[in-house]
């Protein structure tokens, strides 16, 4: 007898749901995603660390002198050198005494080193001015102005801001130049040493700014604006955060004066890398109107050849962490010597420059930025704090800069915008501004 057939499997209910994936699998996937992002962040910073002057031992014989100036100016006792305070007045007296000790005389027409910010006096204080007259055979060729502001912000919501890099460092560098200037002979130019007051907010870009007051009341020994051969202004010259630019200072504005770029490029100082960058690449922030950054602006407005020297903003800019021990003093000492060599080179050059407010040198901008972006695009040498998103943006910047180096490249307005975006991303990352990846 045949056996009964096996029972048919129960019919599947069409409404029944497929079995769910185990929750543990989703968790594993999420964990892998988190791990991948963390790995990207780690790889982005392999071998990269934010630097400060503490990472660079002082070996230059000029460094202790520069540090002593910075430590005096940025001492808590002077409260950040705020205009109108006793700390600001004490700083001005200190600088006047330093000029006298170095052998620099005041302008005879002023009768002293302290030039009030308003007549007959100003509650905000004084500019501090010194005069090195021309010396040697032949007719004087005019004046070179060497300037740096000495005021800072003082007490804020964050705490007491002492302003070591902003701008005691540049004041110290300028004081460090003076001995070499006094030994130069012949000296066909008079040299005005100008320590400007009231550069910080709320005085910046107003008639109360110290540099604006200086040009409005030029000492008669200088003459008119046409007599100023060059105005060299420094700001933020001592900070360092990134290995690639540790020995670099940026020289901006030379492109506006025919003949000046070649002189800047020809002056050399061992272990100092001076790289030219157009002032448009510093001022033209994407999405905003051009914004001047320091006291050079008033000289440009009057058609005076100018050069702006800076090592750039760091995360300590306008912070309580901007302290004397964070500065790179050996690079500052080399900068002092480079400026002295530049002044000597100007003395040996033709007697007149031609200022061109429309002048640009996009090739120099490209080369300076390629130097930085070649390192910034590599995880093991990138800028401290670079995120994976910013890293992708940097690769795009580098590609555009590389395309500008192709043979026969024709410069376009879009190239200028690309240079400005790349420059601002570089500044933004060095400053650790949180929106660098959005540019």
Protein backbone atom coordinates (compact mmCIF):
# COMPACT_ATOMS: atom_id res chain seq x y z
CA UNK A 1 0.00 0.00 0.00
CA UNK A 2 1.38 3.34 -1.01
CA UNK A 3 2.30 5.80 1.77
CA UNK A 4 0.52 9.11 2.16
CA UNK A 5 2.21 12.14 0.43
CA UNK A 6 4.06 14.56 2.75
CA UNK A 7 2.02 17.49 3.91
CA UNK A 8 2.34 20.65 1.78
CA UNK A 9 4.23 23.53 3.43
CA UNK A 10 1.96 26.18 4.82
CA UNK A 11 1.17 28.97 2.37
CA UNK A 12 3.14 32.21 3.03
CA UNK A 13 1.02 35.05 4.15
CA UNK A 14 1.60 37.80 1.55
CA UNK A 15 1.12 40.42 4.28
CA UNK A 16 3.91 38.97 6.39
CA UNK A 17 7.08 41.17 6.59
CA UNK A 18 10.54 39.95 5.60
CA UNK A 19 12.74 39.26 8.57
CA UNK A 20 14.56 42.39 9.78
CA UNK A 21 18.34 42.73 9.57
CA UNK A 22 19.82 42.29 12.95
CA UNK A 23 20.28 45.51 14.82
CA UNK A 24 23.87 44.53 15.55
CA UNK A 25 24.72 44.73 11.82
CA UNK A 26 23.52 48.33 11.61
CA UNK A 27 25.56 49.17 14.65
CA UNK A 28 28.63 47.63 13.06
CA UNK A 29 28.13 49.71 9.91
CA UNK A 30 27.70 52.90 11.97
CA UNK A 31 30.81 52.09 13.98
CA UNK A 32 32.79 51.56 10.77
CA UNK A 33 31.64 54.93 9.43
CA UNK A 34 32.64 56.66 12.66
CA UNK A 35 35.98 54.84 12.61
CA UNK A 36 36.60 55.87 8.98
CA UNK A 37 35.91 59.54 9.77
CA UNK A 38 38.16 59.38 12.83
CA UNK A 39 40.88 57.74 10.75
CA UNK A 40 40.62 60.56 8.19
CA UNK A 41 41.01 63.11 10.97
CA UNK A 42 44.02 61.28 12.39
CA UNK A 43 45.69 60.80 9.00
CA UNK A 44 45.11 64.47 8.22
CA UNK A 45 47.32 65.41 11.15
CA UNK A 46 49.99 62.71 11.15
CA UNK A 47 53.25 64.44 11.98
CA UNK A 48 51.55 67.84 12.20
CA UNK A 49 51.49 69.91 15.37
CA UNK A 50 50.76 73.55 16.02
CA UNK A 51 54.03 75.30 16.73
CA UNK A 52 55.07 78.34 18.72
CA UNK A 53 58.30 80.08 19.56
CA UNK A 54 58.84 77.52 22.32
CA UNK A 55 59.75 75.03 19.57
CA UNK A 56 62.63 77.20 18.33
CA UNK A 57 65.56 77.74 20.71
CA UNK A 58 67.21 81.14 20.45
CA UNK A 59 70.58 80.95 18.72
CA UNK A 60 70.83 84.33 16.98
CA UNK A 61 72.89 86.93 18.89
CA UNK A 62 70.20 89.57 18.26
CA UNK A 63 67.34 87.46 19.62
CA UNK A 64 67.80 88.24 23.35
CA UNK A 65 67.66 91.97 22.65
CA UNK A 66 64.45 91.61 20.62
CA UNK A 67 62.90 89.40 23.29
CA UNK A 68 63.74 91.94 25.99
CA UNK A 69 61.89 94.65 24.03
CA UNK A 70 58.84 92.39 23.57
CA UNK A 71 58.76 91.33 27.22
CA UNK A 72 58.89 94.96 28.32
CA UNK A 73 56.18 96.17 25.95
CA UNK A 74 53.91 93.15 26.55
CA UNK A 75 54.34 93.14 30.32
CA UNK A 76 51.08 92.95 32.34
CA UNK A 77 52.07 96.17 34.15
CA UNK A 78 51.41 98.15 30.96
CA UNK A 79 47.99 96.57 30.50
CA UNK A 80 48.13 95.97 26.78
CA UNK A 81 49.24 99.51 25.80
CA UNK A 82 45.68 100.78 25.31
CA UNK A 83 45.57 104.33 23.87
CA UNK A 84 44.79 106.90 26.52
CA UNK A 85 46.15 104.81 29.41
CA UNK A 86 49.30 105.18 31.46
CA UNK A 87 50.51 101.87 30.00
CA UNK A 88 50.34 103.33 26.50
CA UNK A 89 52.12 106.50 27.64
CA UNK A 90 54.81 104.44 29.38
CA UNK A 91 55.31 102.44 26.17
CA UNK A 92 55.74 105.67 24.19
CA UNK A 93 58.33 106.94 26.66
CA UNK A 94 60.13 103.59 26.52
CA UNK A 95 60.34 103.78 22.73
CA UNK A 96 61.56 107.38 22.83
CA UNK A 97 64.28 106.34 25.28
CA UNK A 98 65.18 103.36 23.05
CA UNK A 99 65.59 105.64 20.04
CA UNK A 100 67.77 108.01 22.00
CA UNK A 101 69.90 105.15 23.36
CA UNK A 102 70.37 103.80 19.81
CA UNK A 103 71.59 107.18 18.56
CA UNK A 104 68.49 108.20 16.61
CA UNK A 105 67.58 111.88 16.97
CA UNK A 106 64.08 113.35 16.95
CA UNK A 107 62.87 115.40 13.99
CA UNK A 108 64.25 118.91 14.62
CA UNK A 109 60.95 120.45 13.55
CA UNK A 110 59.08 118.46 16.21
CA UNK A 111 61.44 119.20 19.06
CA UNK A 112 61.08 115.72 20.54
CA UNK A 113 60.22 112.10 19.86
CA UNK A 114 56.56 112.28 20.94
CA UNK A 115 54.15 113.59 18.29
CA UNK A 116 50.64 114.12 19.70
CA UNK A 117 47.74 112.51 17.86
CA UNK A 118 45.91 115.84 17.85
CA UNK A 119 46.86 119.46 18.41
CA UNK A 120 47.86 120.77 20.85
CA UNK A 121 47.67 117.44 22.66
CA UNK A 122 45.64 114.25 22.57
CA UNK A 123 44.11 112.21 25.39
CA UNK A 124 44.90 109.11 23.32
CA UNK A 125 48.65 109.68 23.42
CA UNK A 126 51.38 110.05 20.85
CA UNK A 127 53.13 108.59 17.85
CA UNK A 128 56.84 108.09 18.53
CA UNK A 129 59.05 109.36 15.70
CA UNK A 130 62.79 109.31 15.09
CA UNK A 131 64.88 110.78 12.27
CA UNK A 132 68.07 109.47 10.65
CA UNK A 133 69.12 112.23 8.22
CA UNK A 134 70.74 111.50 4.85
CA UNK A 135 74.51 111.44 4.85
CA UNK A 136 77.20 111.51 2.18
CA UNK A 137 77.90 113.19 -1.15
CA UNK A 138 75.25 114.17 -3.64
CA UNK A 139 71.73 115.47 -3.27
CA UNK A 140 69.42 113.63 -0.83
CA UNK A 141 66.96 111.36 -2.64
CA UNK A 142 64.04 111.62 -0.23
CA UNK A 143 62.91 109.55 2.73
CA UNK A 144 62.28 105.91 3.60
CA UNK A 145 59.63 105.39 6.29
CA UNK A 146 59.94 102.33 8.53
CA UNK A 147 56.80 101.85 10.61
CA UNK A 148 55.03 99.61 13.11
CA UNK A 149 52.18 100.32 15.54
CA UNK A 150 52.73 99.81 19.26
CA UNK A 151 49.22 100.01 20.76
CA UNK A 152 47.05 97.00 21.58
CA UNK A 153 43.65 96.09 23.07
CA UNK A 154 44.20 95.43 26.78
CA UNK A 155 41.32 94.16 28.88
CA UNK A 156 38.53 92.33 27.02
CA UNK A 157 35.86 89.77 27.87
CA UNK A 158 38.47 87.06 27.25
CA UNK A 159 40.97 88.58 29.67
CA UNK A 160 44.00 90.82 29.42
CA UNK A 161 45.38 90.98 25.87
CA UNK A 162 49.05 91.95 25.97
CA UNK A 163 49.79 91.89 22.23
CA UNK A 164 53.21 90.26 21.93
CA UNK A 165 52.87 89.40 18.24
CA UNK A 166 50.40 92.25 17.72
CA UNK A 167 52.47 94.30 17.61
CA UNK A 168 55.35 94.35 20.11
CA UNK A 169 57.20 91.92 17.82
CA UNK A 170 57.28 94.34 14.87
CA UNK A 171 58.33 97.20 17.17
CA UNK A 172 61.22 95.06 18.40
CA UNK A 173 62.23 94.11 14.83
CA UNK A 174 62.28 97.79 13.87
CA UNK A 175 64.43 98.66 16.89
CA UNK A 176 66.72 95.81 15.85
CA UNK A 177 67.26 97.37 12.41
CA UNK A 178 68.55 100.70 13.71
CA UNK A 179 72.21 99.86 14.50
CA UNK A 180 72.79 98.62 10.95
CA UNK A 181 71.10 101.67 9.44
CA UNK A 182 73.34 104.03 11.37
CA UNK A 183 76.48 102.37 10.01
CA UNK A 184 75.41 102.55 6.36
CA UNK A 185 77.42 105.10 4.39
CA UNK A 186 76.74 106.82 2.16
CA UNK A 187 73.08 107.14 3.09
CA UNK A 188 71.29 109.01 0.32
CA UNK A 189 67.88 108.76 2.01
CA UNK A 190 66.62 110.17 5.23
CA UNK A 191 65.02 107.43 7.34
CA UNK A 192 61.90 108.10 9.40
CA UNK A 193 61.42 105.58 12.21
CA UNK A 194 57.70 105.68 13.05
CA UNK A 195 56.04 103.87 15.93
CA UNK A 196 52.35 104.48 15.28
CA UNK A 197 49.69 104.63 17.97
CA UNK A 198 45.93 103.95 17.71
CA UNK A 199 46.04 101.30 15.00
CA UNK A 200 43.62 98.95 16.74
CA UNK A 201 39.84 99.23 16.76
CA UNK A 202 37.98 101.59 17.12
CA UNK A 203 40.62 103.89 15.63
CA UNK A 204 41.58 101.86 12.57
CA UNK A 205 40.73 103.54 9.25
CA UNK A 206 39.65 106.76 10.94
CA UNK A 207 41.39 110.17 11.18
CA UNK A 208 42.38 109.21 14.75
CA UNK A 209 44.58 106.35 13.52
CA UNK A 210 48.22 107.11 14.26
CA UNK A 211 49.47 106.55 10.72
CA UNK A 212 46.72 108.82 9.37
CA UNK A 213 47.86 111.51 11.76
CA UNK A 214 51.46 111.00 10.64
CA UNK A 215 50.71 111.57 6.95
CA UNK A 216 48.41 114.48 7.73
CA UNK A 217 51.22 116.29 9.54
CA UNK A 218 54.40 115.08 7.84
CA UNK A 219 57.49 116.57 9.49
CA UNK A 220 58.95 119.26 7.26
CA UNK A 221 62.25 117.32 7.03
CA UNK A 222 60.40 114.74 4.92
CA UNK A 223 58.71 117.19 2.60
CA UNK A 224 55.69 116.00 0.64
CA UNK A 225 54.46 112.54 -0.28
CA UNK A 226 56.48 112.60 -3.49
CA UNK A 227 59.62 112.63 -1.35
CA UNK A 228 58.81 109.31 0.34
CA UNK A 229 60.71 106.67 -1.62
CA UNK A 230 59.19 103.74 0.27
CA UNK A 231 57.00 103.13 3.32
CA UNK A 232 57.75 99.74 4.88
CA UNK A 233 55.19 98.69 7.50
CA UNK A 234 55.24 95.58 9.67
CA UNK A 235 52.46 93.85 11.60
CA UNK A 236 52.21 90.31 13.06
CA UNK A 237 55.84 89.48 12.31
CA UNK A 238 56.72 87.08 15.16
CA UNK A 239 54.12 84.31 15.26
CA UNK A 240 54.46 80.75 13.99
CA UNK A 241 52.14 77.71 13.95
CA UNK A 242 53.10 75.67 10.85
CA UNK A 243 56.44 74.10 9.96
CA UNK A 244 56.18 74.93 6.25
CA UNK A 245 56.07 78.70 6.85
CA UNK A 246 58.15 78.81 10.03
CA UNK A 247 61.02 80.64 8.31
CA UNK A 248 58.81 82.61 5.91
CA UNK A 249 57.63 86.19 5.93
CA UNK A 250 55.30 87.56 3.29
CA UNK A 251 56.15 90.80 1.47
CA UNK A 252 52.95 92.35 0.15
CA UNK A 253 52.41 95.41 -2.02
CA UNK A 254 55.65 95.41 -4.04
CA UNK A 255 53.61 94.71 -7.18
CA UNK A 256 52.18 98.24 -6.99
CA UNK A 257 55.58 99.84 -7.62
CA UNK A 258 57.56 99.28 -10.81
CA UNK A 259 61.12 98.27 -9.97
CA UNK A 260 60.46 97.27 -6.36
CA UNK A 261 59.74 93.53 -6.91
CA UNK A 262 63.17 92.95 -8.42
CA UNK A 263 64.88 94.63 -5.46
CA UNK A 264 62.82 92.66 -2.93
CA UNK A 265 63.62 89.38 -4.69
CA UNK A 266 67.33 90.17 -4.85
CA UNK A 267 67.80 90.83 -1.12
CA UNK A 268 68.79 87.68 0.73
CA UNK A 269 69.21 86.78 4.39
CA UNK A 270 70.33 83.25 5.39
CA UNK A 271 67.51 81.07 6.75
CA UNK A 272 64.86 83.69 5.99
CA UNK A 273 62.41 82.98 3.18
CA UNK A 274 60.84 86.24 1.94
CA UNK A 275 57.98 85.54 -0.46
CA UNK A 276 56.04 88.18 -2.35
CA UNK A 277 52.25 88.09 -2.30
CA UNK A 278 49.91 90.62 -3.86
CA UNK A 279 48.09 92.87 -1.42
CA UNK A 280 44.83 91.90 -3.18
CA UNK A 281 45.38 88.33 -2.00
CA UNK A 282 45.47 89.56 1.59
CA UNK A 283 42.64 92.09 1.49
CA UNK A 284 40.03 90.58 -0.85
CA UNK A 285 38.06 88.32 1.47
CA UNK A 286 35.51 86.28 -0.51
CA UNK A 287 32.06 87.76 -0.13
CA UNK A 288 33.26 91.03 1.42
CA UNK A 289 34.57 94.37 0.27
CA UNK A 290 38.39 94.66 0.25
CA UNK A 291 39.63 95.24 3.80
CA UNK A 292 43.00 96.85 4.56
CA UNK A 293 44.90 95.17 7.36
CA UNK A 294 47.37 97.67 8.79
CA UNK A 295 49.08 101.07 8.63
CA UNK A 296 50.34 100.63 5.05
CA UNK A 297 46.91 101.61 3.72
CA UNK A 298 47.22 105.37 4.26
CA UNK A 299 50.50 105.46 2.30
CA UNK A 300 48.91 103.60 -0.61
CA UNK A 301 46.00 106.05 -0.56
CA UNK A 302 48.52 108.87 -1.13
CA UNK A 303 50.33 107.09 -3.98
CA UNK A 304 53.39 106.25 -1.88
CA UNK A 305 55.30 103.04 -2.75
CA UNK A 306 54.75 100.65 0.14
CA UNK A 307 55.75 97.21 1.39
CA UNK A 308 53.83 95.32 4.05
CA UNK A 309 55.73 92.58 5.92
CA UNK A 310 53.94 89.93 7.98
CA UNK A 311 54.23 86.30 8.95
CA UNK A 312 50.42 86.12 9.13
CA UNK A 313 47.77 85.69 11.77
CA UNK A 314 47.93 82.78 14.17
CA UNK A 315 45.23 81.35 16.50
CA UNK A 316 46.73 83.66 19.17
CA UNK A 317 45.72 86.80 17.26
CA UNK A 318 43.70 89.08 19.57
CA UNK A 319 43.77 86.41 22.27
CA UNK A 320 45.13 86.32 25.79
CA UNK A 321 47.53 83.61 24.56
CA UNK A 322 49.50 86.17 22.47
CA UNK A 323 52.46 86.14 24.86
CA UNK A 324 56.20 86.77 24.50
CA UNK A 325 57.26 83.14 24.78
CA UNK A 326 55.18 82.17 21.71
CA UNK A 327 57.30 84.24 19.28
CA UNK A 328 60.03 83.01 16.95
CA UNK A 329 62.85 85.41 17.86
CA UNK A 330 65.53 84.07 15.53
CA UNK A 331 63.30 84.71 12.50
CA UNK A 332 62.57 88.17 13.85
CA UNK A 333 66.33 88.84 14.11
CA UNK A 334 66.83 87.71 10.51
CA UNK A 335 63.98 90.02 9.48
CA UNK A 336 65.78 92.97 11.09
CA UNK A 337 68.88 92.21 9.04
CA UNK A 338 66.85 91.71 5.86
CA UNK A 339 65.25 95.14 6.24
CA UNK A 340 68.66 96.74 6.75
CA UNK A 341 69.88 94.98 3.58
CA UNK A 342 66.79 96.19 1.70
CA UNK A 343 67.49 99.79 2.69
CA UNK A 344 71.08 99.38 1.48
CA UNK A 345 69.81 97.93 -1.81
CA UNK A 346 67.49 100.90 -2.26
CA UNK A 347 70.47 103.22 -1.79
CA UNK A 348 72.24 101.46 -4.65
CA UNK A 349 69.21 101.44 -6.98
CA UNK A 350 67.91 104.07 -9.42
CA UNK A 351 66.61 107.21 -7.72
CA UNK A 352 62.89 106.89 -8.40
CA UNK A 353 60.12 104.30 -8.38
CA UNK A 354 56.89 104.46 -10.35
CA UNK A 355 53.78 103.74 -8.27
CA UNK A 356 50.98 101.99 -10.14
CA UNK A 357 47.81 101.43 -8.09
CA UNK A 358 46.65 98.85 -10.66
CA UNK A 359 49.89 96.88 -10.65
CA UNK A 360 49.65 93.11 -10.12
CA UNK A 361 52.05 90.16 -10.27
CA UNK A 362 49.84 87.09 -10.47
CA UNK A 363 52.81 84.84 -11.27
CA UNK A 364 54.44 85.76 -7.94
CA UNK A 365 51.13 85.18 -6.15
CA UNK A 366 50.81 81.78 -7.78
CA UNK A 367 54.35 80.72 -6.89
CA UNK A 368 54.03 81.79 -3.26
CA UNK A 369 50.73 79.96 -2.83
CA UNK A 370 51.97 76.82 -4.61
CA UNK A 371 54.88 76.75 -2.16
CA UNK A 372 52.36 76.66 0.70
CA UNK A 373 49.72 74.43 -0.88
CA UNK A 374 52.19 71.75 -1.95
CA UNK A 375 52.69 71.07 1.76
CA UNK A 376 49.14 71.87 2.89
CA UNK A 377 47.74 69.21 0.52
CA UNK A 378 49.76 66.39 2.14
CA UNK A 379 48.33 64.86 5.34
CA UNK A 380 51.77 64.51 6.95
CA UNK A 381 52.63 68.20 6.42
CA UNK A 382 49.23 69.90 6.44
CA UNK A 383 48.24 72.96 8.43
CA UNK A 384 47.31 72.13 12.04
CA UNK A 385 43.55 71.80 12.37
CA UNK A 386 42.82 71.03 8.70
CA UNK A 387 39.60 69.01 8.43
CA UNK A 388 38.96 66.39 5.72
CA UNK A 389 36.53 68.80 4.03
CA UNK A 390 39.12 71.57 4.00
CA UNK A 391 41.69 69.08 2.70
CA UNK A 392 39.46 68.42 -0.33
CA UNK A 393 39.15 72.15 -0.91
CA UNK A 394 42.92 72.52 -0.69
CA UNK A 395 43.37 69.89 -3.40
CA UNK A 396 41.08 71.95 -5.62
CA UNK A 397 43.07 75.12 -4.85
CA UNK A 398 46.33 73.38 -5.68
CA UNK A 399 44.93 72.11 -8.96
CA UNK A 400 43.88 75.60 -10.01
CA UNK A 401 47.28 77.02 -9.04
CA UNK A 402 49.04 74.28 -10.99
CA UNK A 403 46.94 75.08 -14.05
CA UNK A 404 48.15 78.68 -13.86
CA UNK A 405 51.72 77.40 -14.26
CA UNK A 406 51.03 75.70 -17.59
CA UNK A 407 53.07 77.08 -20.53
CA UNK A 408 51.30 79.86 -22.36
CA UNK A 409 48.75 80.45 -19.61
CA UNK A 410 46.78 83.66 -20.12
CA UNK A 411 45.72 85.41 -16.92
CA UNK A 412 42.01 86.00 -16.41
CA UNK A 413 39.84 87.68 -13.74
CA UNK A 414 38.86 84.19 -12.62
CA UNK A 415 42.54 83.47 -11.87
CA UNK A 416 42.64 86.51 -9.60
CA UNK A 417 39.57 85.26 -7.75
CA UNK A 418 41.07 81.77 -7.43
CA UNK A 419 44.28 83.25 -6.01
CA UNK A 420 42.29 85.30 -3.50
CA UNK A 421 40.27 82.28 -2.40
CA UNK A 422 43.37 80.14 -2.00
CA UNK A 423 45.16 82.88 -0.10
CA UNK A 424 42.26 83.43 2.24
CA UNK A 425 41.88 79.69 2.86
CA UNK A 426 45.56 79.60 3.81
CA UNK A 427 45.14 82.56 6.16
CA UNK A 428 41.91 81.12 7.52
CA UNK A 429 43.50 77.76 8.37
CA UNK A 430 46.59 79.31 9.95
CA UNK A 431 44.30 81.52 12.03
CA UNK A 432 42.04 78.51 12.71
CA UNK A 433 38.90 80.30 11.60
CA UNK A 434 36.01 77.78 11.62
CA UNK A 435 34.58 78.35 8.12
CA UNK A 436 37.65 77.69 5.98
CA UNK A 437 36.03 74.74 4.18
CA UNK A 438 33.07 76.84 2.99
CA UNK A 439 35.08 79.24 0.81
